[in-house]
C-alpha atoms as a PDB file:
ATOM      1  CA  MET A   1      30.149  32.131  11.569  1.00  0.00           C
ATOM      2  CA  CYS A   2      27.921  30.105   9.243  1.00  0.00           C
ATOM      3  CA  ALA A   3      28.931  26.662   7.988  1.00  0.00           C
ATOM      4  CA  THR A   4      27.631  25.436   4.662  1.00  0.00           C
ATOM      5  CA  GLY A   5      28.063  22.206   2.736  1.00  0.00           C
ATOM      6  CA  PRO A   6      27.092  18.584   3.091  1.00  0.00           C
ATOM      7  CA  VAL A   7      26.335  17.193   6.523  1.00  0.00           C
ATOM      8  CA  PRO A   8      28.918  14.643   7.688  1.00  0.00           C
ATOM      9  CA  GLY A   9      27.836  11.072   8.333  1.00  0.00           C
ATOM     10  CA  PRO A  10      26.492   8.129   6.360  1.00  0.00           C
ATOM     11  CA  LYS A  11      24.265   8.843   3.395  1.00  0.00           C
ATOM     12  CA  VAL A  12      21.335   6.582   4.267  1.00  0.00           C
ATOM     13  CA  ARG A  13      18.122   6.974   2.320  1.00  0.00           C
ATOM     14  CA  ARG A  14      15.174   6.508   4.627  1.00  0.00           C
ATOM     15  CA  GLY A  15      11.971   4.897   3.377  1.00  0.00           C
ATOM     16  CA  LYS A  16       8.914   7.078   3.306  1.00  0.00           C
ATOM     17  CA  GLY A  17       6.562   4.383   4.554  1.00  0.00           C
ATOM     18  CA  ARG A  18       4.705   4.136   1.263  1.00  0.00           C
ATOM     19  CA  ASP A  19       2.713   1.074   0.285  1.00  0.00           C
ATOM     20  CA  PHE A  20       2.933  -0.252  -3.263  1.00  0.00           C
ATOM     21  CA  ILE A  21      -0.430  -1.462  -4.523  1.00  0.00           C
ATOM     22  CA  ALA A  22      -1.531  -3.112  -7.770  1.00  0.00           C
ATOM     23  CA  LEU A  23      -5.270  -2.865  -8.468  1.00  0.00           C
ATOM     24  CA  GLU A  24      -7.030  -4.899 -11.140  1.00  0.00           C
ATOM     25  CA  GLU A  25      -8.741  -2.267 -13.309  1.00  0.00           C
ATOM     26  CA  SER A  26     -12.109  -3.886 -14.081  1.00  0.00           C
ATOM     27  CA  THR A  27     -12.972  -4.963 -10.512  1.00  0.00           C
ATOM     28  CA  ASN A  28     -10.750  -2.599  -8.492  1.00  0.00           C
ATOM     29  CA  ARG A  29      -9.505  -5.708  -6.658  1.00  0.00           C
ATOM     30  CA  ILE A  30      -6.130  -5.620  -4.874  1.00  0.00           C
ATOM     31  CA  VAL A  31      -3.810  -8.078  -6.619  1.00  0.00           C
ATOM     32  CA  TYR A  32      -0.588  -7.027  -4.902  1.00  0.00           C
ATOM     33  CA  LEU A  33       0.207  -5.051  -1.749  1.00  0.00           C
ATOM     34  CA  THR A  34       3.552  -4.523  -0.052  1.00  0.00           C
ATOM     35  CA  SER A  35       5.269  -1.919   2.071  1.00  0.00           C
ATOM     36  CA  GLU A  36       8.327  -0.037   0.849  1.00  0.00           C
ATOM     37  CA  GLU A  37      10.276  -1.264   3.869  1.00  0.00           C
ATOM     38  CA  ASP A  38       9.489  -4.943   3.202  1.00  0.00           C
ATOM     39  CA  PHE A  39      11.932  -5.440   0.361  1.00  0.00           C
ATOM     40  CA  ASP A  40      15.453  -4.423  -0.593  1.00  0.00           C
ATOM     41  CA  GLN A  41      15.549  -5.899  -4.094  1.00  0.00           C
ATOM     42  CA  PRO A  42      13.263  -5.653  -7.145  1.00  0.00           C
ATOM     43  CA  VAL A  43       9.941  -7.470  -6.850  1.00  0.00           C
ATOM     44  CA  ASN A  44       9.095 -10.307  -9.239  1.00  0.00           C
ATOM     45  CA  ALA A  45       5.758  -9.152 -10.651  1.00  0.00           C
ATOM     46  CA  GLU A  46       5.478 -11.947 -13.225  1.00  0.00           C
ATOM     47  CA  PRO A  47       3.159 -14.271 -11.211  1.00  0.00           C
ATOM     48  CA  TRP A  48       0.376 -11.728 -10.736  1.00  0.00           C
ATOM     49  CA  MET A  49       1.007  -9.846 -13.998  1.00  0.00           C
ATOM     50  CA  ASN A  50       0.379 -13.089 -15.941  1.00  0.00           C
ATOM     51  CA  LYS A  51      -2.913 -13.639 -14.118  1.00  0.00           C
ATOM     52  CA  PHE A  52      -4.132 -10.022 -14.139  1.00  0.00           C
ATOM     53  CA  TRP A  53      -3.385  -8.256 -17.414  1.00  0.00           C
ATOM     54  CA  ASN A  54      -4.954  -4.876 -16.768  1.00  0.00           C
ATOM     55  CA  VAL A  55      -3.601  -3.473 -13.497  1.00  0.00           C
ATOM     56  CA  SER A  56      -3.065  -0.015 -12.103  1.00  0.00           C
ATOM     57  CA  LEU A  57       0.064   0.489  -9.981  1.00  0.00           C
ATOM     58  CA  THR A  58       0.234   3.162  -7.313  1.00  0.00           C
ATOM     59  CA  ALA A  59       2.417   4.220  -4.386  1.00  0.00           C
ATOM     60  CA  ARG A  60       0.314   7.146  -3.191  1.00  0.00           C
ATOM     61  CA  TYR A  61      -0.971   5.451  -0.045  1.00  0.00           C
ATOM     62  CA  VAL A  62       0.776   5.417   3.332  1.00  0.00           C
ATOM     63  CA  ASP A  63       0.215   2.802   6.068  1.00  0.00           C
ATOM     64  CA  CYS A  64      -2.525   0.826   4.279  1.00  0.00           C
ATOM     65  CA  HIS A  65      -4.640  -1.760   6.035  1.00  0.00           C
ATOM     66  CA  VAL A  66      -6.689  -4.524   4.433  1.00  0.00           C
ATOM     67  CA  TYR A  67      -9.738  -5.930   6.195  1.00  0.00           C
ATOM     68  CA  PHE A  68     -11.483  -9.166   5.205  1.00  0.00           C
ATOM     69  CA  MET A  69     -15.158  -9.568   6.073  1.00  0.00           C
ATOM     70  CA  ARG A  70     -18.324 -11.150   4.793  1.00  0.00           C
ATOM     71  CA  HIS A  71     -20.306  -9.229   2.210  1.00  0.00           C
ATOM     72  CA  SER A  72     -23.323  -9.238   4.565  1.00  0.00           C
ATOM     73  CA  CYS A  73     -21.227  -7.351   7.137  1.00  0.00           C
ATOM     74  CA  LEU A  74     -20.490  -4.643   4.576  1.00  0.00           C
ATOM     75  CA  GLY A  75     -24.226  -4.180   4.006  1.00  0.00           C
ATOM     76  CA  MET A  76     -24.815  -3.821   7.735  1.00  0.00           C
ATOM     77  CA  ILE A  77     -22.022  -1.245   8.041  1.00  0.00           C
ATOM     78  CA  ALA A  78     -23.372   0.698   5.053  1.00  0.00           C
ATOM     79  CA  ARG A  79     -26.821   0.922   6.707  1.00  0.00           C
ATOM     80  CA  GLN A  80     -25.424   2.250  10.003  1.00  0.00           C
ATOM     81  CA  LYS A  81     -25.127   6.003  10.399  1.00  0.00           C
ATOM     82  CA  LEU A  82     -22.429   5.657  13.068  1.00  0.00           C
ATOM     83  CA  VAL A  83     -20.065   2.709  13.451  1.00  0.00           C
ATOM     84  CA  HIS A  84     -18.130   2.105  16.687  1.00  0.00           C
ATOM     85  CA  SER A  85     -15.022   0.006  17.122  1.00  0.00           C
ATOM     86  CA  PHE A  86     -14.581  -2.368  20.042  1.00  0.00           C
ATOM     87  CA  PHE A  87     -10.770  -2.345  19.893  1.00  0.00           C
END
């Protein structure tokens, strides 16, 4: 016997873990970053949309991380052939 039809139980839509990112086009700078799970209601984009007029919005990334470091550190990392983590 084969049963077909909808599965019983609550119809809960699970988040996919996407991150919503707004990048400023000319500098490729991140102007907004949030996870799909962090909000249940529409986001007020007016504050950063007024400051940054030309942005690109994307949701194609999953589990994004942002690291802040001095520009001199980036140069050192770029010169290294192999970078190790101490964590």
